[in-house]
Amino acid sequence: MRKWYPVVVIAVAALASIALYPRLPERVAVHWDMHGVANGDAPRLGAAVFGPLVMLGLWALMRGLPAVDPRRENYAKMENAYSLMVNATLTLLLVIHLAVLAAALGVGISMARLVPALIGALFIVIGYAMPQARPNWFFGIRTPWTLSNDRVWQRTHRVGGHLFVACGLVSLLGVVLPHAIGVALLVIAALVASFGSIAFSYIAWKQETSE
């Protein structure tokens, strides 16, 4: 199922575009500001094909990266985690694509609530997958210190995993709070998780190299 999931998700996006295309208006909203107000649109053909094409291109890229990674042998050791990341990212794009189409048809969808919720959920998936990641050049917390020491990589991704799960939970909490507070929580949580992971990688490197 893992191998077929991306194909199914991309096919659903394409079929939704084909089925709904005749009902779409000539201009489709494709961008919203932080308050959920549409501030950018595109021709209906562009809106219909953009999502599936981005998903297809991203899937091809993420499946092709291991072949050019100098540490490609490690992908076999983290196949489940890497596939989970690929599938979660494609699922997020599918939901956004379907929401764009639904909004164009007049369905009341709050992008200001939906997108932060999806980002929060993705952060949780990232945090769950992180401890399973093995040293590589494309996926994970790649700092000079994690890439130079496998033990530092492992320690950093365990701590980073907890930070990103916490970031995701805080982001989901922000969805039910006043919008401005929710956005602020999302930004702050993402910064803490990201810079906290980077800072810890340096601390772990100092500890490992001083022994």
N, C-alpha and C. Protein backbone atom coordinates (compact mmCIF):
# COMPACT_ATOMS: atom_id res chain seq x y z
N MET A 1 0.83 -1.20 0.00
CA MET A 1 0.00 0.00 0.00
C MET A 1 0.87 1.26 0.00
N ARG A 2 2.03 1.17 0.72
CA ARG A 2 2.92 2.31 0.79
C ARG A 2 3.37 2.75 -0.60
N LYS A 3 3.68 1.76 -1.45
CA LYS A 3 4.20 2.08 -2.78
C LYS A 3 3.11 2.66 -3.68
N TRP A 4 1.88 2.21 -3.50
CA TRP A 4 0.79 2.64 -4.37
C TRP A 4 0.11 3.91 -3.88
N TYR A 5 0.30 4.25 -2.61
CA TYR A 5 -0.41 5.39 -2.04
C TYR A 5 -0.18 6.69 -2.82
N PRO A 6 1.07 7.05 -3.15
CA PRO A 6 1.26 8.29 -3.91
C PRO A 6 0.53 8.30 -5.24
N VAL A 7 0.50 7.16 -5.93
CA VAL A 7 -0.20 7.07 -7.20
C VAL A 7 -1.69 7.33 -7.01
N VAL A 8 -2.25 6.73 -5.97
CA VAL A 8 -3.68 6.90 -5.68
C VAL A 8 -3.98 8.36 -5.36
N VAL A 9 -3.16 8.98 -4.52
CA VAL A 9 -3.39 10.37 -4.11
C VAL A 9 -3.32 11.31 -5.31
N ILE A 10 -2.32 11.14 -6.15
CA ILE A 10 -2.17 12.01 -7.33
C ILE A 10 -3.33 11.77 -8.30
N ALA A 11 -3.74 10.52 -8.43
CA ALA A 11 -4.87 10.21 -9.31
C ALA A 11 -6.15 10.85 -8.81
N VAL A 12 -6.37 10.84 -7.50
CA VAL A 12 -7.56 11.48 -6.92
C VAL A 12 -7.56 12.97 -7.23
N ALA A 13 -6.41 13.61 -7.09
CA ALA A 13 -6.30 15.04 -7.39
C ALA A 13 -6.63 15.32 -8.85
N ALA A 14 -6.08 14.49 -9.75
CA ALA A 14 -6.32 14.68 -11.18
C ALA A 14 -7.77 14.43 -11.54
N LEU A 15 -8.35 13.38 -10.99
CA LEU A 15 -9.75 13.06 -11.30
C LEU A 15 -10.70 14.13 -10.76
N ALA A 16 -10.38 14.68 -9.59
CA ALA A 16 -11.20 15.76 -9.05
C ALA A 16 -11.17 16.97 -9.96
N SER A 17 -9.99 17.28 -10.49
CA SER A 17 -9.88 18.41 -11.41
C SER A 17 -10.68 18.18 -12.68
N ILE A 18 -10.58 16.97 -13.22
CA ILE A 18 -11.30 16.65 -14.45
C ILE A 18 -12.81 16.71 -14.23
N ALA A 19 -13.26 16.13 -13.12
CA ALA A 19 -14.70 16.06 -12.85
C ALA A 19 -15.30 17.44 -12.58
N LEU A 20 -14.54 18.30 -11.88
CA LEU A 20 -15.09 19.58 -11.47
C LEU A 20 -14.77 20.72 -12.43
N TYR A 21 -13.89 20.48 -13.37
CA TYR A 21 -13.44 21.54 -14.28
C TYR A 21 -14.60 22.28 -14.97
N PRO A 22 -15.60 21.58 -15.52
CA PRO A 22 -16.68 22.30 -16.20
C PRO A 22 -17.46 23.25 -15.30
N ARG A 23 -17.43 22.99 -13.99
CA ARG A 23 -18.20 23.82 -13.05
C ARG A 23 -17.38 24.95 -12.45
N LEU A 24 -16.10 24.98 -12.71
CA LEU A 24 -15.25 26.02 -12.13
C LEU A 24 -15.48 27.36 -12.82
N PRO A 25 -15.39 28.46 -12.07
CA PRO A 25 -15.50 29.78 -12.70
C PRO A 25 -14.26 30.07 -13.54
N GLU A 26 -14.33 31.10 -14.36
CA GLU A 26 -13.19 31.43 -15.23
C GLU A 26 -11.95 31.79 -14.44
N ARG A 27 -12.11 32.42 -13.30
CA ARG A 27 -11.00 32.74 -12.41
C ARG A 27 -11.22 32.03 -11.08
N VAL A 28 -10.18 31.39 -10.59
CA VAL A 28 -10.26 30.60 -9.36
C VAL A 28 -9.29 31.18 -8.33
N ALA A 29 -9.78 31.43 -7.13
CA ALA A 29 -8.91 31.91 -6.05
C ALA A 29 -7.89 30.83 -5.69
N VAL A 30 -6.62 31.21 -5.66
CA VAL A 30 -5.56 30.24 -5.36
C VAL A 30 -4.64 30.73 -4.24
N HIS A 31 -4.90 31.92 -3.74
CA HIS A 31 -4.05 32.45 -2.67
C HIS A 31 -4.90 33.26 -1.70
N TRP A 32 -4.59 33.12 -0.41
CA TRP A 32 -5.34 33.81 0.64
C TRP A 32 -4.36 34.49 1.59
N ASP A 33 -4.78 35.61 2.17
CA ASP A 33 -3.91 36.26 3.15
C ASP A 33 -4.07 35.58 4.50
N MET A 34 -3.38 36.09 5.49
CA MET A 34 -3.37 35.44 6.80
C MET A 34 -4.74 35.46 7.49
N HIS A 35 -5.65 36.28 6.97
CA HIS A 35 -6.99 36.34 7.54
C HIS A 35 -7.98 35.48 6.75
N GLY A 36 -7.48 34.77 5.74
CA GLY A 36 -8.34 33.90 4.96
C GLY A 36 -9.08 34.60 3.84
N VAL A 37 -8.66 35.82 3.51
CA VAL A 37 -9.30 36.56 2.43
C VAL A 37 -8.53 36.31 1.13
N ALA A 38 -9.24 35.89 0.08
CA ALA A 38 -8.59 35.60 -1.19
C ALA A 38 -7.94 36.86 -1.75
N ASN A 39 -6.67 36.77 -2.11
CA ASN A 39 -5.97 37.93 -2.67
C ASN A 39 -5.15 37.57 -3.91
N GLY A 40 -5.48 36.44 -4.51
CA GLY A 40 -4.81 36.04 -5.74
C GLY A 40 -5.62 34.98 -6.46
N ASP A 41 -5.71 35.07 -7.78
CA ASP A 41 -6.47 34.07 -8.52
C ASP A 41 -5.71 33.64 -9.76
N ALA A 42 -6.25 32.65 -10.46
CA ALA A 42 -5.62 32.10 -11.65
C ALA A 42 -6.71 31.61 -12.60
N PRO A 43 -6.40 31.47 -13.89
CA PRO A 43 -7.38 30.90 -14.82
C PRO A 43 -7.76 29.50 -14.35
N ARG A 44 -8.97 29.09 -14.65
CA ARG A 44 -9.44 27.80 -14.12
C ARG A 44 -8.60 26.63 -14.59
N LEU A 45 -8.05 26.70 -15.80
CA LEU A 45 -7.18 25.60 -16.27
C LEU A 45 -5.94 25.51 -15.41
N GLY A 46 -5.34 26.66 -15.13
CA GLY A 46 -4.14 26.65 -14.29
C GLY A 46 -4.43 26.13 -12.90
N ALA A 47 -5.56 26.56 -12.33
CA ALA A 47 -5.92 26.11 -10.98
C ALA A 47 -6.20 24.62 -10.96
N ALA A 48 -6.76 24.10 -12.04
CA ALA A 48 -7.12 22.68 -12.10
C ALA A 48 -5.90 21.78 -12.24
N VAL A 49 -4.90 22.22 -13.00
CA VAL A 49 -3.76 21.34 -13.27
C VAL A 49 -2.59 21.58 -12.32
N PHE A 50 -2.56 22.75 -11.67
CA PHE A 50 -1.39 23.09 -10.85
C PHE A 50 -1.17 22.08 -9.73
N GLY A 51 -2.22 21.78 -8.96
CA GLY A 51 -2.09 20.87 -7.83
C GLY A 51 -1.58 19.50 -8.23
N PRO A 52 -2.23 18.81 -9.17
CA PRO A 52 -1.75 17.49 -9.58
C PRO A 52 -0.33 17.51 -10.14
N LEU A 53 0.02 18.56 -10.89
CA LEU A 53 1.37 18.63 -11.45
C LEU A 53 2.42 18.83 -10.36
N VAL A 54 2.11 19.68 -9.38
CA VAL A 54 3.05 19.88 -8.27
C VAL A 54 3.23 18.58 -7.50
N MET A 55 2.14 17.88 -7.25
CA MET A 55 2.22 16.61 -6.53
C MET A 55 3.05 15.59 -7.29
N LEU A 56 2.82 15.51 -8.61
CA LEU A 56 3.58 14.56 -9.43
C LEU A 56 5.06 14.92 -9.44
N GLY A 57 5.37 16.21 -9.61
CA GLY A 57 6.76 16.63 -9.63
C GLY A 57 7.46 16.40 -8.31
N LEU A 58 6.76 16.70 -7.20
CA LEU A 58 7.35 16.50 -5.88
C LEU A 58 7.60 15.03 -5.60
N TRP A 59 6.64 14.19 -5.98
CA TRP A 59 6.82 12.75 -5.78
C TRP A 59 8.02 12.24 -6.57
N ALA A 60 8.14 12.66 -7.82
CA ALA A 60 9.28 12.24 -8.64
C ALA A 60 10.60 12.71 -8.01
N LEU A 61 10.61 13.94 -7.51
CA LEU A 61 11.83 14.48 -6.89
C LEU A 61 12.20 13.70 -5.64
N MET A 62 11.22 13.47 -4.76
CA MET A 62 11.51 12.81 -3.49
C MET A 62 11.89 11.35 -3.68
N ARG A 63 11.36 10.72 -4.74
CA ARG A 63 11.77 9.34 -5.01
C ARG A 63 13.12 9.29 -5.73
N GLY A 64 13.49 10.38 -6.41
CA GLY A 64 14.76 10.37 -7.13
C GLY A 64 15.95 10.79 -6.30
N LEU A 65 15.72 11.55 -5.23
CA LEU A 65 16.83 12.05 -4.42
C LEU A 65 17.73 10.95 -3.85
N PRO A 66 17.16 9.84 -3.34
CA PRO A 66 18.04 8.81 -2.79
C PRO A 66 19.07 8.29 -3.78
N ALA A 67 18.75 8.29 -5.06
CA ALA A 67 19.67 7.76 -6.07
C ALA A 67 20.93 8.61 -6.22
N VAL A 68 20.84 9.91 -5.86
CA VAL A 68 22.00 10.79 -6.02
C VAL A 68 22.62 11.16 -4.68
N ASP A 69 22.10 10.60 -3.59
CA ASP A 69 22.63 10.89 -2.26
C ASP A 69 23.89 10.06 -2.03
N PRO A 70 25.02 10.68 -1.64
CA PRO A 70 26.24 9.92 -1.35
C PRO A 70 26.05 8.84 -0.28
N ARG A 71 25.03 9.02 0.57
CA ARG A 71 24.77 8.04 1.61
C ARG A 71 23.47 7.29 1.32
N ARG A 72 23.29 6.95 0.07
CA ARG A 72 22.03 6.34 -0.38
C ARG A 72 21.71 5.03 0.33
N GLU A 73 22.74 4.34 0.81
CA GLU A 73 22.50 3.05 1.47
C GLU A 73 21.66 3.21 2.73
N ASN A 74 21.64 4.40 3.33
CA ASN A 74 20.89 4.61 4.57
C ASN A 74 19.39 4.70 4.34
N TYR A 75 18.97 4.94 3.10
CA TYR A 75 17.53 5.06 2.84
C TYR A 75 16.82 3.73 3.06
N ALA A 76 17.52 2.63 2.82
CA ALA A 76 16.91 1.33 3.06
C ALA A 76 16.64 1.11 4.55
N LYS A 77 17.45 1.76 5.40
CA LYS A 77 17.30 1.63 6.84
C LYS A 77 16.18 2.51 7.40
N MET A 78 15.75 3.48 6.60
CA MET A 78 14.69 4.38 7.07
C MET A 78 13.56 4.45 6.04
N GLU A 79 13.35 3.35 5.35
CA GLU A 79 12.34 3.33 4.28
C GLU A 79 10.96 3.72 4.78
N ASN A 80 10.57 3.20 5.94
CA ASN A 80 9.24 3.51 6.46
C ASN A 80 9.09 4.99 6.78
N ALA A 81 10.11 5.57 7.42
CA ALA A 81 10.04 6.98 7.79
C ALA A 81 10.02 7.86 6.54
N TYR A 82 10.85 7.54 5.56
CA TYR A 82 10.91 8.35 4.35
C TYR A 82 9.60 8.26 3.56
N SER A 83 9.05 7.05 3.46
CA SER A 83 7.77 6.88 2.76
C SER A 83 6.67 7.63 3.48
N LEU A 84 6.70 7.61 4.81
CA LEU A 84 5.70 8.34 5.59
C LEU A 84 5.76 9.83 5.28
N MET A 85 6.97 10.38 5.19
CA MET A 85 7.13 11.79 4.89
C MET A 85 6.60 12.12 3.49
N VAL A 86 6.95 11.27 2.52
CA VAL A 86 6.47 11.49 1.15
C VAL A 86 4.95 11.46 1.11
N ASN A 87 4.36 10.45 1.72
CA ASN A 87 2.90 10.29 1.70
C ASN A 87 2.19 11.41 2.44
N ALA A 88 2.76 11.83 3.58
CA ALA A 88 2.14 12.91 4.35
C ALA A 88 2.16 14.23 3.57
N THR A 89 3.27 14.50 2.90
CA THR A 89 3.38 15.73 2.12
C THR A 89 2.39 15.73 0.96
N LEU A 90 2.28 14.60 0.28
CA LEU A 90 1.33 14.51 -0.84
C LEU A 90 -0.11 14.62 -0.35
N THR A 91 -0.39 14.06 0.82
CA THR A 91 -1.74 14.15 1.37
C THR A 91 -2.09 15.60 1.69
N LEU A 92 -1.15 16.33 2.27
CA LEU A 92 -1.38 17.74 2.56
C LEU A 92 -1.70 18.51 1.28
N LEU A 93 -0.92 18.26 0.22
CA LEU A 93 -1.15 18.95 -1.05
C LEU A 93 -2.50 18.56 -1.66
N LEU A 94 -2.89 17.30 -1.49
CA LEU A 94 -4.19 16.86 -2.00
C LEU A 94 -5.32 17.61 -1.31
N VAL A 95 -5.26 17.69 0.01
CA VAL A 95 -6.32 18.36 0.76
C VAL A 95 -6.40 19.83 0.36
N ILE A 96 -5.26 20.48 0.20
CA ILE A 96 -5.28 21.89 -0.22
C ILE A 96 -5.86 22.02 -1.61
N HIS A 97 -5.50 21.12 -2.52
CA HIS A 97 -6.03 21.17 -3.89
C HIS A 97 -7.55 21.00 -3.89
N LEU A 98 -8.03 20.02 -3.13
CA LEU A 98 -9.48 19.81 -3.06
C LEU A 98 -10.18 21.00 -2.42
N ALA A 99 -9.54 21.62 -1.44
CA ALA A 99 -10.13 22.79 -0.79
C ALA A 99 -10.22 23.96 -1.76
N VAL A 100 -9.19 24.14 -2.60
CA VAL A 100 -9.22 25.20 -3.60
C VAL A 100 -10.38 24.99 -4.57
N LEU A 101 -10.54 23.75 -5.03
CA LEU A 101 -11.64 23.46 -5.95
C LEU A 101 -13.00 23.66 -5.27
N ALA A 102 -13.12 23.21 -4.04
CA ALA A 102 -14.39 23.34 -3.32
C ALA A 102 -14.72 24.81 -3.08
N ALA A 103 -13.72 25.59 -2.70
CA ALA A 103 -13.96 27.01 -2.46
C ALA A 103 -14.41 27.71 -3.74
N ALA A 104 -13.84 27.29 -4.87
CA ALA A 104 -14.22 27.88 -6.16
C ALA A 104 -15.68 27.58 -6.50
N LEU A 105 -16.21 26.49 -5.96
CA LEU A 105 -17.60 26.10 -6.21
C LEU A 105 -18.55 26.67 -5.16
N GLY A 106 -18.01 27.48 -4.27
CA GLY A 106 -18.87 28.14 -3.29
C GLY A 106 -18.98 27.46 -1.94
N VAL A 107 -18.22 26.39 -1.73
CA VAL A 107 -18.25 25.71 -0.43
C VAL A 107 -17.54 26.59 0.59
N GLY A 108 -18.14 26.79 1.74
CA GLY A 108 -17.55 27.65 2.76
C GLY A 108 -16.39 26.97 3.47
N ILE A 109 -15.19 27.29 3.06
CA ILE A 109 -13.99 26.70 3.65
C ILE A 109 -13.11 27.83 4.18
N SER A 110 -12.69 27.73 5.43
CA SER A 110 -11.81 28.74 6.01
C SER A 110 -10.36 28.32 5.80
N MET A 111 -9.72 28.88 4.79
CA MET A 111 -8.32 28.56 4.55
C MET A 111 -7.44 29.01 5.72
N ALA A 112 -7.87 30.07 6.40
CA ALA A 112 -7.10 30.57 7.54
C ALA A 112 -7.06 29.54 8.67
N ARG A 113 -8.03 28.64 8.73
CA ARG A 113 -8.05 27.58 9.74
C ARG A 113 -7.48 26.28 9.18
N LEU A 114 -7.81 25.99 7.92
CA LEU A 114 -7.42 24.72 7.33
C LEU A 114 -5.91 24.58 7.17
N VAL A 115 -5.28 25.59 6.59
CA VAL A 115 -3.85 25.49 6.31
C VAL A 115 -3.01 25.34 7.58
N PRO A 116 -3.21 26.17 8.61
CA PRO A 116 -2.45 25.95 9.85
C PRO A 116 -2.68 24.58 10.46
N ALA A 117 -3.91 24.06 10.36
CA ALA A 117 -4.19 22.73 10.89
C ALA A 117 -3.40 21.67 10.13
N LEU A 118 -3.35 21.81 8.81
CA LEU A 118 -2.58 20.85 8.00
C LEU A 118 -1.10 20.94 8.31
N ILE A 119 -0.60 22.16 8.48
CA ILE A 119 0.82 22.33 8.80
C ILE A 119 1.12 21.71 10.16
N GLY A 120 0.23 21.93 11.12
CA GLY A 120 0.43 21.33 12.44
C GLY A 120 0.47 19.81 12.37
N ALA A 121 -0.45 19.23 11.60
CA ALA A 121 -0.47 17.78 11.45
C ALA A 121 0.81 17.28 10.78
N LEU A 122 1.30 18.03 9.79
CA LEU A 122 2.54 17.63 9.11
C LEU A 122 3.73 17.69 10.06
N PHE A 123 3.75 18.70 10.94
CA PHE A 123 4.83 18.80 11.92
C PHE A 123 4.83 17.56 12.83
N ILE A 124 3.65 17.10 13.21
CA ILE A 124 3.57 15.91 14.06
C ILE A 124 4.12 14.69 13.33
N VAL A 125 3.78 14.55 12.07
CA VAL A 125 4.30 13.42 11.28
C VAL A 125 5.82 13.53 11.15
N ILE A 126 6.32 14.74 10.90
CA ILE A 126 7.76 14.94 10.80
C ILE A 126 8.44 14.54 12.11
N GLY A 127 7.86 14.99 13.22
CA GLY A 127 8.44 14.65 14.52
C GLY A 127 8.43 13.17 14.79
N TYR A 128 7.37 12.50 14.38
CA TYR A 128 7.29 11.05 14.56
C TYR A 128 8.35 10.33 13.73
N ALA A 129 8.59 10.82 12.52
CA ALA A 129 9.52 10.14 11.61
C ALA A 129 10.98 10.45 11.92
N MET A 130 11.25 11.58 12.52
CA MET A 130 12.63 12.02 12.71
C MET A 130 13.55 11.01 13.41
N PRO A 131 13.12 10.42 14.53
CA PRO A 131 14.03 9.49 15.21
C PRO A 131 14.41 8.29 14.35
N GLN A 132 13.62 7.99 13.33
CA GLN A 132 13.92 6.85 12.46
C GLN A 132 14.86 7.22 11.31
N ALA A 133 15.12 8.52 11.14
CA ALA A 133 15.96 8.98 10.04
C ALA A 133 17.41 8.56 10.26
N ARG A 134 18.09 8.24 9.18
CA ARG A 134 19.50 7.92 9.21
C ARG A 134 20.27 8.98 8.44
N PRO A 135 21.56 9.15 8.73
CA PRO A 135 22.32 10.23 8.08
C PRO A 135 22.19 10.22 6.56
N ASN A 136 21.83 11.37 6.02
CA ASN A 136 21.72 11.54 4.58
C ASN A 136 21.80 13.03 4.29
N TRP A 137 21.78 13.40 3.02
CA TRP A 137 21.99 14.80 2.65
C TRP A 137 20.71 15.54 2.30
N PHE A 138 19.54 14.89 2.37
CA PHE A 138 18.31 15.55 1.91
C PHE A 138 17.18 15.56 2.92
N PHE A 139 17.14 14.64 3.85
CA PHE A 139 15.99 14.48 4.74
C PHE A 139 16.45 14.53 6.18
N GLY A 140 15.90 15.47 6.94
CA GLY A 140 16.23 15.54 8.36
C GLY A 140 16.88 16.86 8.73
N ILE A 141 17.48 16.89 9.93
CA ILE A 141 18.14 18.09 10.44
C ILE A 141 19.59 18.03 9.98
N ARG A 142 19.87 18.73 8.91
CA ARG A 142 21.19 18.66 8.29
C ARG A 142 21.99 19.90 8.65
N THR A 143 22.83 19.75 9.66
CA THR A 143 23.73 20.82 10.07
C THR A 143 25.16 20.30 9.92
N PRO A 144 26.15 21.18 10.00
CA PRO A 144 27.54 20.69 9.92
C PRO A 144 27.85 19.65 10.98
N TRP A 145 27.15 19.75 12.12
CA TRP A 145 27.46 18.87 13.24
C TRP A 145 26.77 17.52 13.11
N THR A 146 25.55 17.48 12.61
CA THR A 146 24.89 16.18 12.42
C THR A 146 25.51 15.43 11.25
N LEU A 147 25.91 16.15 10.22
CA LEU A 147 26.46 15.49 9.03
C LEU A 147 27.89 15.01 9.24
N SER A 148 28.53 15.51 10.26
CA SER A 148 29.92 15.11 10.50
C SER A 148 30.05 14.00 11.54
N ASN A 149 28.93 13.66 12.21
CA ASN A 149 29.01 12.68 13.29
C ASN A 149 27.69 11.94 13.40
N ASP A 150 27.71 10.63 13.16
CA ASP A 150 26.46 9.86 13.16
C ASP A 150 25.80 9.82 14.53
N ARG A 151 26.59 9.82 15.57
CA ARG A 151 26.02 9.82 16.92
C ARG A 151 25.30 11.14 17.19
N VAL A 152 25.86 12.25 16.74
CA VAL A 152 25.21 13.55 16.88
C VAL A 152 23.91 13.56 16.07
N TRP A 153 23.94 12.96 14.89
CA TRP A 153 22.72 12.87 14.06
C TRP A 153 21.60 12.17 14.84
N GLN A 154 21.92 11.01 15.42
CA GLN A 154 20.92 10.23 16.14
C GLN A 154 20.36 11.00 17.33
N ARG A 155 21.22 11.60 18.12
CA ARG A 155 20.76 12.34 19.30
C ARG A 155 19.91 13.55 18.91
N THR A 156 20.36 14.26 17.89
CA THR A 156 19.64 15.45 17.45
C THR A 156 18.26 15.10 16.92
N HIS A 157 18.14 14.00 16.20
CA HIS A 157 16.84 13.65 15.62
C HIS A 157 15.87 13.09 16.66
N ARG A 158 16.39 12.52 17.73
CA ARG A 158 15.50 12.13 18.83
C ARG A 158 14.92 13.38 19.50
N VAL A 159 15.78 14.33 19.81
CA VAL A 159 15.31 15.57 20.45
C VAL A 159 14.45 16.38 19.47
N GLY A 160 14.91 16.48 18.22
CA GLY A 160 14.15 17.22 17.22
C GLY A 160 12.78 16.63 17.00
N GLY A 161 12.67 15.31 17.08
CA GLY A 161 11.37 14.66 16.93
C GLY A 161 10.39 15.13 17.98
N HIS A 162 10.84 15.20 19.23
CA HIS A 162 9.96 15.68 20.31
C HIS A 162 9.58 17.14 20.09
N LEU A 163 10.55 17.94 19.65
CA LEU A 163 10.28 19.36 19.43
C LEU A 163 9.25 19.57 18.32
N PHE A 164 9.35 18.81 17.25
CA PHE A 164 8.43 18.99 16.13
C PHE A 164 7.03 18.46 16.45
N VAL A 165 6.95 17.38 17.22
CA VAL A 165 5.63 16.92 17.66
C VAL A 165 4.97 17.98 18.54
N ALA A 166 5.74 18.55 19.47
CA ALA A 166 5.21 19.61 20.32
C ALA A 166 4.79 20.81 19.49
N CYS A 167 5.59 21.15 18.47
CA CYS A 167 5.26 22.25 17.58
C CYS A 167 3.93 21.99 16.87
N GLY A 168 3.73 20.77 16.40
CA GLY A 168 2.50 20.42 15.73
C GLY A 168 1.29 20.51 16.64
N LEU A 169 1.45 20.05 17.88
CA LEU A 169 0.34 20.10 18.83
C LEU A 169 -0.03 21.55 19.17
N VAL A 170 0.99 22.39 19.34
CA VAL A 170 0.73 23.81 19.61
C VAL A 170 0.03 24.46 18.41
N SER A 171 0.46 24.09 17.21
CA SER A 171 -0.16 24.65 16.00
C SER A 171 -1.63 24.24 15.90
N LEU A 172 -1.92 22.99 16.22
CA LEU A 172 -3.31 22.53 16.20
C LEU A 172 -4.14 23.25 17.25
N LEU A 173 -3.55 23.49 18.42
CA LEU A 173 -4.25 24.24 19.46
C LEU A 173 -4.60 25.64 18.97
N GLY A 174 -3.68 26.23 18.21
CA GLY A 174 -3.90 27.58 17.71
C GLY A 174 -5.07 27.70 16.77
N VAL A 175 -5.48 26.59 16.16
CA VAL A 175 -6.59 26.62 15.20
C VAL A 175 -7.90 27.01 15.88
N VAL A 176 -8.06 26.64 17.15
CA VAL A 176 -9.32 26.93 17.86
C VAL A 176 -9.24 28.23 18.64
N LEU A 177 -8.10 28.90 18.59
CA LEU A 177 -7.94 30.18 19.28
C LEU A 177 -8.20 31.32 18.30
N PRO A 178 -8.32 32.55 18.79
CA PRO A 178 -8.45 33.69 17.88
C PRO A 178 -7.35 33.64 16.82
N HIS A 179 -7.69 34.04 15.61
CA HIS A 179 -6.80 33.82 14.47
C HIS A 179 -5.41 34.40 14.67
N ALA A 180 -5.31 35.63 15.13
CA ALA A 180 -4.01 36.27 15.30
C ALA A 180 -3.14 35.50 16.29
N ILE A 181 -3.75 35.01 17.35
CA ILE A 181 -3.00 34.23 18.34
C ILE A 181 -2.56 32.90 17.74
N GLY A 182 -3.45 32.27 16.97
CA GLY A 182 -3.11 31.00 16.35
C GLY A 182 -1.93 31.12 15.40
N VAL A 183 -1.93 32.17 14.59
CA VAL A 183 -0.81 32.38 13.65
C VAL A 183 0.48 32.63 14.40
N ALA A 184 0.40 33.43 15.46
CA ALA A 184 1.59 33.72 16.26
C ALA A 184 2.14 32.44 16.89
N LEU A 185 1.24 31.59 17.40
CA LEU A 185 1.69 30.33 18.00
C LEU A 185 2.36 29.44 16.96
N LEU A 186 1.79 29.37 15.76
CA LEU A 186 2.37 28.56 14.70
C LEU A 186 3.78 29.02 14.36
N VAL A 187 3.96 30.32 14.19
CA VAL A 187 5.27 30.86 13.83
C VAL A 187 6.28 30.64 14.96
N ILE A 188 5.87 30.95 16.18
CA ILE A 188 6.79 30.79 17.31
C ILE A 188 7.17 29.33 17.51
N ALA A 189 6.18 28.44 17.43
CA ALA A 189 6.46 27.01 17.63
C ALA A 189 7.41 26.49 16.55
N ALA A 190 7.19 26.90 15.30
CA ALA A 190 8.06 26.45 14.21
C ALA A 190 9.48 26.95 14.41
N LEU A 191 9.63 28.19 14.84
CA LEU A 191 10.97 28.75 15.08
C LEU A 191 11.67 28.03 16.23
N VAL A 192 10.92 27.77 17.30
CA VAL A 192 11.51 27.08 18.45
C VAL A 192 11.96 25.68 18.06
N ALA A 193 11.10 24.95 17.34
CA ALA A 193 11.45 23.58 16.92
C ALA A 193 12.66 23.58 16.00
N SER A 194 12.69 24.50 15.05
CA SER A 194 13.78 24.54 14.08
C SER A 194 15.11 24.96 14.71
N PHE A 195 15.10 26.12 15.36
CA PHE A 195 16.34 26.63 15.94
C PHE A 195 16.75 25.84 17.19
N GLY A 196 15.76 25.28 17.88
CA GLY A 196 16.09 24.42 19.01
C GLY A 196 16.83 23.17 18.57
N SER A 197 16.40 22.59 17.45
CA SER A 197 17.06 21.40 16.91
C SER A 197 18.48 21.73 16.45
N ILE A 198 18.63 22.88 15.79
CA ILE A 198 19.95 23.29 15.32
C ILE A 198 20.89 23.52 16.50
N ALA A 199 20.40 24.23 17.52
CA ALA A 199 21.22 24.51 18.69
C ALA A 199 21.63 23.22 19.39
N PHE A 200 20.68 22.28 19.51
CA PHE A 200 21.01 21.03 20.18
C PHE A 200 22.06 20.25 19.40
N SER A 201 22.01 20.32 18.06
CA SER A 201 23.00 19.57 17.27
C SER A 201 24.41 20.06 17.58
N TYR A 202 24.55 21.35 17.80
CA TYR A 202 25.87 21.90 18.14
C TYR A 202 26.29 21.45 19.55
N ILE A 203 25.33 21.50 20.49
CA ILE A 203 25.63 21.08 21.86
C ILE A 203 26.04 19.60 21.88
N ALA A 204 25.28 18.78 21.16
CA ALA A 204 25.59 17.35 21.10
C ALA A 204 26.95 17.11 20.46
N TRP A 205 27.28 17.88 19.43
CA TRP A 205 28.57 17.74 18.76
C TRP A 205 29.72 18.08 19.72
N LYS A 206 29.54 19.15 20.49
CA LYS A 206 30.57 19.54 21.47
C LYS A 206 30.76 18.44 22.50
N GLN A 207 29.65 17.86 22.94
CA GLN A 207 29.74 16.78 23.93
C GLN A 207 30.44 15.56 23.36
N GLU A 208 30.05 15.17 22.14
CA GLU A 208 30.60 13.96 21.53
C GLU A 208 32.08 14.12 21.20
N THR A 209 32.48 15.29 20.75
CA THR A 209 33.88 15.48 20.32
C THR A 209 34.81 15.80 21.47
N SER A 210 34.25 16.12 22.63
CA SER A 210 35.10 16.45 23.78
C SER A 210 35.40 15.22 24.62
N GLU A 211 34.72 14.09 24.30
CA GLU A 211 34.93 12.87 25.09
C GLU A 211 36.21 12.16 24.67
